[in-house]
PDB file of N, CA and C in Angstrom:
ATOM      1  N   MET A   1       2.527  -5.481 -12.133  1.00  0.00           N
ATOM      2  CA  MET A   1       3.264  -7.055 -11.691  1.00  0.00           C
ATOM      3  C   MET A   1       4.358  -6.815 -10.110  1.00  0.00           C
ATOM      4  N   ARG A   2       5.095  -5.674 -10.143  1.00  0.00           N
ATOM      5  CA  ARG A   2       5.802  -4.702  -9.284  1.00  0.00           C
ATOM      6  C   ARG A   2       5.024  -4.188  -7.652  1.00  0.00           C
ATOM      7  N   LEU A   3       4.373  -3.869  -7.636  1.00  0.00           N
ATOM      8  CA  LEU A   3       3.134  -3.408  -6.918  1.00  0.00           C
ATOM      9  C   LEU A   3       2.585  -4.795  -6.349  1.00  0.00           C
ATOM     10  N   LEU A   4       2.226  -6.124  -6.677  1.00  0.00           N
ATOM     11  CA  LEU A   4       2.053  -7.557  -6.639  1.00  0.00           C
ATOM     12  C   LEU A   4       3.050  -7.682  -5.747  1.00  0.00           C
ATOM     13  N   ALA A   5       4.375  -7.879  -6.039  1.00  0.00           N
ATOM     14  CA  ALA A   5       5.545  -8.227  -5.423  1.00  0.00           C
ATOM     15  C   ALA A   5       6.033  -7.381  -4.696  1.00  0.00           C
ATOM     16  N   SER A   6       5.428  -6.627  -4.553  1.00  0.00           N
ATOM     17  CA  SER A   6       6.189  -5.259  -3.372  1.00  0.00           C
ATOM     18  C   SER A   6       4.975  -5.954  -2.321  1.00  0.00           C
ATOM     19  N   ALA A   7       3.595  -6.268  -3.009  1.00  0.00           N
ATOM     20  CA  ALA A   7       2.909  -7.093  -0.945  1.00  0.00           C
ATOM     21  C   ALA A   7       3.468  -8.156  -0.443  1.00  0.00           C
ATOM     22  N   ALA A   8       3.958  -9.334  -1.660  1.00  0.00           N
ATOM     23  CA  ALA A   8       3.866 -10.549  -1.057  1.00  0.00           C
ATOM     24  C   ALA A   8       5.694  -9.747   0.211  1.00  0.00           C
ATOM     25  N   VAL A   9       6.778  -9.216  -0.672  1.00  0.00           N
ATOM     26  CA  VAL A   9       7.425  -8.542   0.773  1.00  0.00           C
ATOM     27  C   VAL A   9       6.747  -7.992   2.325  1.00  0.00           C
ATOM     28  N   ALA A  10       6.181  -6.759   1.020  1.00  0.00           N
ATOM     29  CA  ALA A  10       5.399  -6.183   2.551  1.00  0.00           C
ATOM     30  C   ALA A  10       4.295  -7.801   3.645  1.00  0.00           C
ATOM     31  N   THR A  11       4.120  -8.288   3.241  1.00  0.00           N
ATOM     32  CA  THR A  11       3.887  -9.752   4.072  1.00  0.00           C
ATOM     33  C   THR A  11       4.478 -10.482   5.134  1.00  0.00           C
ATOM     34  N   ALA A  12       5.847 -10.802   3.852  1.00  0.00           N
ATOM     35  CA  ALA A  12       6.882 -11.150   5.080  1.00  0.00           C
ATOM     36  C   ALA A  12       7.132 -10.228   6.183  1.00  0.00           C
ATOM     37  N   ALA A  13       7.601  -8.972   5.842  1.00  0.00           N
ATOM     38  CA  ALA A  13       8.322  -7.476   6.336  1.00  0.00           C
ATOM     39  C   ALA A  13       7.049  -8.068   7.830  1.00  0.00           C
ATOM     40  N   LEU A  14       5.875  -7.366   7.331  1.00  0.00           N
ATOM     41  CA  LEU A  14       4.737  -8.006   8.108  1.00  0.00           C
ATOM     42  C   LEU A  14       4.920  -8.923   9.153  1.00  0.00           C
ATOM     43  N   VAL A  15       4.774  -9.810   8.813  1.00  0.00           N
ATOM     44  CA  VAL A  15       5.107 -10.886   9.968  1.00  0.00           C
ATOM     45  C   VAL A  15       6.021 -11.218  10.715  1.00  0.00           C
ATOM     46  N   ALA A  16       7.034 -11.012   9.606  1.00  0.00           N
ATOM     47  CA  ALA A  16       8.776 -11.251  10.614  1.00  0.00           C
ATOM     48  C   ALA A  16       9.491 -10.311  10.832  1.00  0.00           C
ATOM     49  N   PRO A  17       8.901  -9.524  11.203  1.00  0.00           N
ATOM     50  CA  PRO A  17       9.808  -8.218  11.452  1.00  0.00           C
ATOM     51  C   PRO A  17      11.068  -7.673  11.168  1.00  0.00           C
ATOM     52  N   THR A  18      11.570  -8.987  11.969  1.00  0.00           N
ATOM     53  CA  THR A  18      13.571  -9.147  11.569  1.00  0.00           C
ATOM     54  C   THR A  18      13.530  -8.762  11.027  1.00  0.00           C
ATOM     55  N   ALA A  19      13.499  -9.632   9.648  1.00  0.00           N
ATOM     56  CA  ALA A  19      13.877  -9.184   8.016  1.00  0.00           C
ATOM     57  C   ALA A  19      13.168  -8.276   7.552  1.00  0.00           C
ATOM     58  N   GLY A  20      12.027  -7.696   7.861  1.00  0.00           N
ATOM     59  CA  GLY A  20      12.098  -6.335   7.585  1.00  0.00           C
ATOM     60  C   GLY A  20      13.128  -5.100   8.327  1.00  0.00           C
ATOM     61  N   ALA A  21      13.773  -4.758   9.620  1.00  0.00           N
ATOM     62  CA  ALA A  21      14.626  -4.383   9.967  1.00  0.00           C
ATOM     63  C   ALA A  21      15.853  -4.052   9.285  1.00  0.00           C
ATOM     64  N   ALA A  22      15.690  -6.186   8.849  1.00  0.00           N
ATOM     65  CA  ALA A  22      18.026  -6.221   8.372  1.00  0.00           C
ATOM     66  C   ALA A  22      17.908  -5.753   6.727  1.00  0.00           C
ATOM     67  N   THR A  23      16.333  -5.273   6.782  1.00  0.00           N
ATOM     68  CA  THR A  23      16.769  -4.917   5.215  1.00  0.00           C
ATOM     69  C   THR A  23      16.459  -3.252   4.807  1.00  0.00           C
ATOM     70  N   GLY A  24      16.332  -2.954   6.096  1.00  0.00           N
ATOM     71  CA  GLY A  24      16.269  -1.409   6.023  1.00  0.00           C
ATOM     72  C   GLY A  24      14.882  -1.417   4.975  1.00  0.00           C
ATOM     73  N   THR A  25      13.195  -1.973   4.979  1.00  0.00           N
ATOM     74  CA  THR A  25      12.828  -1.694   3.890  1.00  0.00           C
ATOM     75  C   THR A  25      11.704  -1.002   5.032  1.00  0.00           C
ATOM     76  N   SER A  26      10.269  -0.412   4.931  1.00  0.00           N
ATOM     77  CA  SER A  26       8.840  -0.324   5.707  1.00  0.00           C
ATOM     78  C   SER A  26       8.461  -0.041   4.536  1.00  0.00           C
ATOM     79  N   PHE A  27       6.485  -0.409   4.894  1.00  0.00           N
ATOM     80  CA  PHE A  27       5.565  -0.546   4.788  1.00  0.00           C
ATOM     81  C   PHE A  27       4.801   0.496   5.502  1.00  0.00           C
ATOM     82  N   THR A  28       3.865   1.264   4.690  1.00  0.00           N
ATOM     83  CA  THR A  28       2.802   2.377   5.457  1.00  0.00           C
ATOM     84  C   THR A  28       2.159   2.304   5.072  1.00  0.00           C
ATOM     85  N   PHE A  29       0.812   1.294   5.157  1.00  0.00           N
ATOM     86  CA  PHE A  29      -0.856   2.331   4.251  1.00  0.00           C
ATOM     87  C   PHE A  29      -1.787   2.396   5.252  1.00  0.00           C
ATOM     88  N   GLY A  30      -2.608   2.942   4.891  1.00  0.00           N
ATOM     89  CA  GLY A  30      -3.955   3.594   4.711  1.00  0.00           C
ATOM     90  C   GLY A  30      -4.796   4.092   4.685  1.00  0.00           C
ATOM     91  N   ARG A  31      -5.465   5.290   4.885  1.00  0.00           N
ATOM     92  CA  ARG A  31      -6.146   6.301   3.726  1.00  0.00           C
ATOM     93  C   ARG A  31      -6.095   7.531   4.188  1.00  0.00           C
ATOM     94  N   GLY A  32      -6.912   8.460   3.383  1.00  0.00           N
ATOM     95  CA  GLY A  32      -6.421  10.207   3.276  1.00  0.00           C
ATOM     96  C   GLY A  32      -6.177  10.335   2.547  1.00  0.00           C
ATOM     97  N   GLY A  33      -5.039  11.485   2.375  1.00  0.00           N
ATOM     98  CA  GLY A  33      -4.664  12.176   0.828  1.00  0.00           C
ATOM     99  C   GLY A  33      -3.303  11.698  -0.138  1.00  0.00           C
ATOM    100  N   GLY A  34      -2.835  11.898  -1.232  1.00  0.00           N
ATOM    101  CA  GLY A  34      -2.026  11.111  -1.374  1.00  0.00           C
ATOM    102  C   GLY A  34      -1.195  12.007  -2.521  1.00  0.00           C
ATOM    103  N   ASN A  35       0.181  11.770  -2.478  1.00  0.00           N
ATOM    104  CA  ASN A  35       1.133  11.801  -3.140  1.00  0.00           C
ATOM    105  C   ASN A  35       2.205  11.376  -3.560  1.00  0.00           C
ATOM    106  N   PRO A  36       3.170  10.681  -4.073  1.00  0.00           N
ATOM    107  CA  PRO A  36       3.020  11.650  -5.751  1.00  0.00           C
ATOM    108  C   PRO A  36       2.046  11.201  -6.957  1.00  0.00           C
ATOM    109  N   ARG A  37       1.997   9.687  -6.814  1.00  0.00           N
ATOM    110  CA  ARG A  37       1.215   8.773  -7.523  1.00  0.00           C
ATOM    111  C   ARG A  37      -0.302   8.726  -6.770  1.00  0.00           C
ATOM    112  N   LYS A  38      -1.144   9.015  -7.765  1.00  0.00           N
ATOM    113  CA  LYS A  38      -3.013   8.392  -7.361  1.00  0.00           C
ATOM    114  C   LYS A  38      -3.842   7.451  -8.688  1.00  0.00           C
ATOM    115  N   ILE A  39      -4.490   6.749  -8.528  1.00  0.00           N
ATOM    116  CA  ILE A  39      -5.255   6.737  -9.132  1.00  0.00           C
ATOM    117  C   ILE A  39      -6.885   6.567  -9.030  1.00  0.00           C
ATOM    118  N   GLU A  40      -7.104   7.438  -9.303  1.00  0.00           N
ATOM    119  CA  GLU A  40      -8.444   8.547  -9.515  1.00  0.00           C
ATOM    120  C   GLU A  40      -9.362   8.018 -10.500  1.00  0.00           C
ATOM    121  N   CYS A  41     -10.163   7.477 -10.206  1.00  0.00           N
ATOM    122  CA  CYS A  41     -10.457   5.984 -10.612  1.00  0.00           C
ATOM    123  C   CYS A  41     -12.367   6.827 -10.947  1.00  0.00           C
ATOM    124  N   ALA A  42     -13.594   6.291 -11.995  1.00  0.00           N
ATOM    125  CA  ALA A  42     -13.818   7.375 -12.916  1.00  0.00           C
ATOM    126  C   ALA A  42     -15.530   7.049 -11.875  1.00  0.00           C
ATOM    127  N   ARG A  43     -15.754   7.973 -12.407  1.00  0.00           N
ATOM    128  CA  ARG A  43     -17.570   8.589 -11.110  1.00  0.00           C
ATOM    129  C   ARG A  43     -17.436   7.794  -9.614  1.00  0.00           C
ATOM    130  N   THR A  44     -16.240   9.295  -9.041  1.00  0.00           N
ATOM    131  CA  THR A  44     -16.542   8.998  -7.818  1.00  0.00           C
ATOM    132  C   THR A  44     -15.649  10.126  -7.100  1.00  0.00           C
ATOM    133  N   LEU A  45     -16.854   9.596  -6.218  1.00  0.00           N
ATOM    134  CA  LEU A  45     -16.994  11.418  -5.954  1.00  0.00           C
ATOM    135  C   LEU A  45     -15.948  12.395  -5.013  1.00  0.00           C
ATOM    136  N   PRO A  46     -15.566  12.849  -5.355  1.00  0.00           N
ATOM    137  CA  PRO A  46     -14.029  13.805  -4.460  1.00  0.00           C
ATOM    138  C   PRO A  46     -14.096  13.933  -2.995  1.00  0.00           C
ATOM    139  N   ASP A  47     -15.625  13.279  -2.449  1.00  0.00           N
ATOM    140  CA  ASP A  47     -15.353  13.175  -0.043  1.00  0.00           C
ATOM    141  C   ASP A  47     -15.207  12.200  -0.036  1.00  0.00           C
ATOM    142  N   GLY A  48     -14.727  10.728  -0.650  1.00  0.00           N
ATOM    143  CA  GLY A  48     -14.865   9.458  -0.897  1.00  0.00           C
ATOM    144  C   GLY A  48     -13.533   9.573  -0.022  1.00  0.00           C
ATOM    145  N   ALA A  49     -12.929   8.514   0.925  1.00  0.00           N
ATOM    146  CA  ALA A  49     -11.833   8.606   0.707  1.00  0.00           C
ATOM    147  C   ALA A  49     -10.183   7.440   0.078  1.00  0.00           C
ATOM    148  N   THR A  50      -9.234   8.210   0.209  1.00  0.00           N
ATOM    149  CA  THR A  50      -8.046   7.820  -0.663  1.00  0.00           C
ATOM    150  C   THR A  50      -7.079   6.808   0.277  1.00  0.00           C
ATOM    151  N   LEU A  51      -7.113   5.373  -0.443  1.00  0.00           N
ATOM    152  CA  LEU A  51      -6.404   4.990  -0.137  1.00  0.00           C
ATOM    153  C   LEU A  51      -4.332   4.732  -0.350  1.00  0.00           C
ATOM    154  N   TYR A  52      -3.202   4.393   0.951  1.00  0.00           N
ATOM    155  CA  TYR A  52      -2.556   4.364   0.155  1.00  0.00           C
ATOM    156  C   TYR A  52      -1.422   3.687   1.053  1.00  0.00           C
ATOM    157  N   VAL A  53      -0.224   3.338  -0.357  1.00  0.00           N
ATOM    158  CA  VAL A  53       0.679   1.972   0.669  1.00  0.00           C
ATOM    159  C   VAL A  53       1.754   2.938   0.350  1.00  0.00           C
ATOM    160  N   THR A  54       2.947   3.018   1.168  1.00  0.00           N
ATOM    161  CA  THR A  54       4.027   3.634   0.772  1.00  0.00           C
ATOM    162  C   THR A  54       5.488   2.977   1.228  1.00  0.00           C
ATOM    163  N   VAL A  55       6.472   2.246   0.006  1.00  0.00           N
ATOM    164  CA  VAL A  55       7.230   0.915   0.713  1.00  0.00           C
ATOM    165  C   VAL A  55       7.944   1.989   0.831  1.00  0.00           C
ATOM    166  N   ARG A  56       8.946   2.012   1.736  1.00  0.00           N
ATOM    167  CA  ARG A  56      10.499   3.077   2.067  1.00  0.00           C
ATOM    168  C   ARG A  56      11.907   1.486   1.935  1.00  0.00           C
ATOM    169  N   SER A  57      12.560   2.208   0.716  1.00  0.00           N
ATOM    170  CA  SER A  57      13.300   1.461   1.020  1.00  0.00           C
ATOM    171  C   SER A  57      15.281   2.409   1.160  1.00  0.00           C
ATOM    172  N   GLY A  58      15.574   2.365   2.712  1.00  0.00           N
ATOM    173  CA  GLY A  58      16.580   3.383   2.138  1.00  0.00           C
ATOM    174  C   GLY A  58      16.132   4.931   2.261  1.00  0.00           C
ATOM    175  N   PRO A  59      17.466   5.589   1.845  1.00  0.00           N
ATOM    176  CA  PRO A  59      16.901   6.945   1.092  1.00  0.00           C
ATOM    177  C   PRO A  59      15.421   6.846   0.338  1.00  0.00           C
ATOM    178  N   ARG A  60      14.755   5.688  -0.379  1.00  0.00           N
ATOM    179  CA  ARG A  60      14.067   5.916  -1.303  1.00  0.00           C
ATOM    180  C   ARG A  60      12.450   5.265  -0.792  1.00  0.00           C
ATOM    181  N   ALA A  61      11.715   6.495  -1.536  1.00  0.00           N
ATOM    182  CA  ALA A  61      10.015   5.718  -1.207  1.00  0.00           C
ATOM    183  C   ALA A  61       9.785   5.862  -2.523  1.00  0.00           C
ATOM    184  N   ARG A  62       8.390   5.048  -2.144  1.00  0.00           N
ATOM    185  CA  ARG A  62       7.446   5.434  -3.408  1.00  0.00           C
ATOM    186  C   ARG A  62       5.860   5.541  -2.559  1.00  0.00           C
ATOM    187  N   THR A  63       4.440   6.729  -3.283  1.00  0.00           N
ATOM    188  CA  THR A  63       3.461   6.403  -2.820  1.00  0.00           C
ATOM    189  C   THR A  63       2.800   5.711  -3.392  1.00  0.00           C
ATOM    190  N   VAL A  64       2.016   5.382  -3.622  1.00  0.00           N
ATOM    191  CA  VAL A  64       0.683   5.096  -4.377  1.00  0.00           C
ATOM    192  C   VAL A  64      -0.451   4.828  -3.668  1.00  0.00           C
ATOM    193  N   SER A  65      -1.232   5.560  -4.866  1.00  0.00           N
ATOM    194  CA  SER A  65      -2.860   5.496  -4.155  1.00  0.00           C
ATOM    195  C   SER A  65      -3.467   5.350  -5.242  1.00  0.00           C
ATOM    196  N   GLU A  66      -4.811   5.586  -4.285  1.00  0.00           N
ATOM    197  CA  GLU A  66      -6.209   5.256  -5.330  1.00  0.00           C
ATOM    198  C   GLU A  66      -7.667   6.452  -4.998  1.00  0.00           C
ATOM    199  N   HIS A  67      -8.016   6.692  -4.964  1.00  0.00           N
ATOM    200  CA  HIS A  67      -9.711   6.996  -4.892  1.00  0.00           C
ATOM    201  C   HIS A  67      -9.990   6.854  -5.322  1.00  0.00           C
ATOM    202  N   GLY A  68     -11.503   5.329  -4.965  1.00  0.00           N
ATOM    203  CA  GLY A  68     -11.878   4.570  -5.568  1.00  0.00           C
ATOM    204  C   GLY A  68     -11.642   3.094  -5.243  1.00  0.00           C
ATOM    205  N   ALA A  69     -11.948   3.003  -6.128  1.00  0.00           N
ATOM    206  CA  ALA A  69     -11.984   0.950  -5.596  1.00  0.00           C
ATOM    207  C   ALA A  69     -11.690   0.057  -7.011  1.00  0.00           C
ATOM    208  N   CYS A  70     -11.498   1.612  -8.733  1.00  0.00           N
ATOM    209  CA  CYS A  70     -11.196   0.471  -9.677  1.00  0.00           C
ATOM    210  C   CYS A  70      -9.594  -0.202 -10.215  1.00  0.00           C
ATOM    211  N   ASN A  71      -8.351  -0.292  -9.211  1.00  0.00           N
ATOM    212  CA  ASN A  71      -7.611  -0.721  -9.728  1.00  0.00           C
ATOM    213  C   ASN A  71      -7.226  -2.075  -8.921  1.00  0.00           C
ATOM    214  N   LYS A  72      -7.464  -3.557  -9.739  1.00  0.00           N
ATOM    215  CA  LYS A  72      -8.035  -5.049  -9.196  1.00  0.00           C
ATOM    216  C   LYS A  72      -6.519  -5.643  -8.506  1.00  0.00           C
ATOM    217  N   ARG A  73      -5.157  -4.870  -9.143  1.00  0.00           N
ATOM    218  CA  ARG A  73      -4.083  -4.516  -8.686  1.00  0.00           C
ATOM    219  C   ARG A  73      -3.486  -4.405  -7.234  1.00  0.00           C
ATOM    220  N   PHE A  74      -4.109  -2.523  -7.150  1.00  0.00           N
ATOM    221  CA  PHE A  74      -3.679  -2.213  -6.272  1.00  0.00           C
ATOM    222  C   PHE A  74      -4.515  -2.349  -5.241  1.00  0.00           C
ATOM    223  N   ASN A  75      -6.161  -3.331  -5.102  1.00  0.00           N
ATOM    224  CA  ASN A  75      -6.570  -3.086  -4.549  1.00  0.00           C
ATOM    225  C   ASN A  75      -6.044  -4.832  -2.978  1.00  0.00           C
ATOM    226  N   ARG A  76      -5.778  -5.829  -4.870  1.00  0.00           N
ATOM    227  CA  ARG A  76      -4.831  -6.625  -3.881  1.00  0.00           C
ATOM    228  C   ARG A  76      -4.175  -6.420  -3.077  1.00  0.00           C
ATOM    229  N   VAL A  77      -3.067  -6.137  -3.385  1.00  0.00           N
ATOM    230  CA  VAL A  77      -1.968  -5.506  -2.374  1.00  0.00           C
ATOM    231  C   VAL A  77      -2.681  -5.309  -1.060  1.00  0.00           C
ATOM    232  N   TYR A  78      -2.791  -4.603  -0.786  1.00  0.00           N
ATOM    233  CA  TYR A  78      -3.720  -3.452   0.239  1.00  0.00           C
ATOM    234  C   TYR A  78      -4.463  -4.735   0.307  1.00  0.00           C
ATOM    235  N   ALA A  79      -5.545  -5.432   0.641  1.00  0.00           N
ATOM    236  CA  ALA A  79      -5.926  -6.418   1.185  1.00  0.00           C
ATOM    237  C   ALA A  79      -5.259  -6.845   1.708  1.00  0.00           C
ATOM    238  N   ALA A  80      -3.763  -7.563   0.696  1.00  0.00           N
ATOM    239  CA  ALA A  80      -2.349  -8.567   1.441  1.00  0.00           C
ATOM    240  C   ALA A  80      -1.764  -7.479   3.203  1.00  0.00           C
ATOM    241  N   LEU A  81      -1.325  -6.583   2.104  1.00  0.00           N
ATOM    242  CA  LEU A  81      -1.910  -6.517   3.811  1.00  0.00           C
ATOM    243  C   LEU A  81      -2.096  -6.215   5.443  1.00  0.00           C
ATOM    244  N   GLN A  82      -3.210  -5.321   5.370  1.00  0.00           N
ATOM    245  CA  GLN A  82      -4.374  -5.173   5.528  1.00  0.00           C
ATOM    246  C   GLN A  82      -4.634  -7.095   6.708  1.00  0.00           C
ATOM    247  N   ALA A  83      -4.968  -7.659   5.175  1.00  0.00           N
ATOM    248  CA  ALA A  83      -4.995  -9.304   6.298  1.00  0.00           C
ATOM    249  C   ALA A  83      -3.290  -9.648   7.411  1.00  0.00           C
ATOM    250  N   ALA A  84      -2.098  -8.878   6.733  1.00  0.00           N
ATOM    251  CA  ALA A  84      -1.268  -9.530   7.600  1.00  0.00           C
ATOM    252  C   ALA A  84      -0.770  -8.437   8.616  1.00  0.00           C
ATOM    253  N   ALA A  85      -1.685  -7.764   8.353  1.00  0.00           N
ATOM    254  CA  ALA A  85      -1.217  -6.700   9.577  1.00  0.00           C
ATOM    255  C   ALA A  85      -2.677  -7.074  10.357  1.00  0.00           C
ATOM    256  N   GLY A  86      -3.247  -7.903  10.765  1.00  0.00           N
ATOM    257  CA  GLY A  86      -4.348  -7.898  11.101  1.00  0.00           C
ATOM    258  C   GLY A  86      -5.103  -7.677  11.412  1.00  0.00           C
ATOM    259  N   GLY A  87      -5.627  -7.033  10.378  1.00  0.00           N
ATOM    260  CA  GLY A  87      -7.738  -7.024  10.358  1.00  0.00           C
ATOM    261  C   GLY A  87      -8.192  -5.726   9.253  1.00  0.00           C
ATOM    262  N   GLY A  88      -9.284  -5.381  10.174  1.00  0.00           N
ATOM    263  CA  GLY A  88     -10.449  -3.731   8.906  1.00  0.00           C
ATOM    264  C   GLY A  88      -9.666  -2.984   9.410  1.00  0.00           C
ATOM    265  N   GLU A  89     -10.490  -2.119   9.139  1.00  0.00           N
ATOM    266  CA  GLU A  89     -10.473  -0.769   9.042  1.00  0.00           C
ATOM    267  C   GLU A  89      -9.911  -0.165  10.901  1.00  0.00           C
TER     268      GLU A  89
END
């Protein structure tokens, strides 16, 4: 649920950058490797891409990554960020 709430905040921050700047919160998402949190999906080849979302608020940062496409909540958050940023890969 926390991750879904983060997507809503991320969407608002991307749509209204001044609101994100005022709170000091930033969001980064994309493809690549991932630490410290990783969702490993069963039957996923090791050479497949890993998606990640990082949320920074002040000195704190948290990254969640997914290797495969098995976690519906992560996929919804990633799709919301991608749509808010204006598009595809």
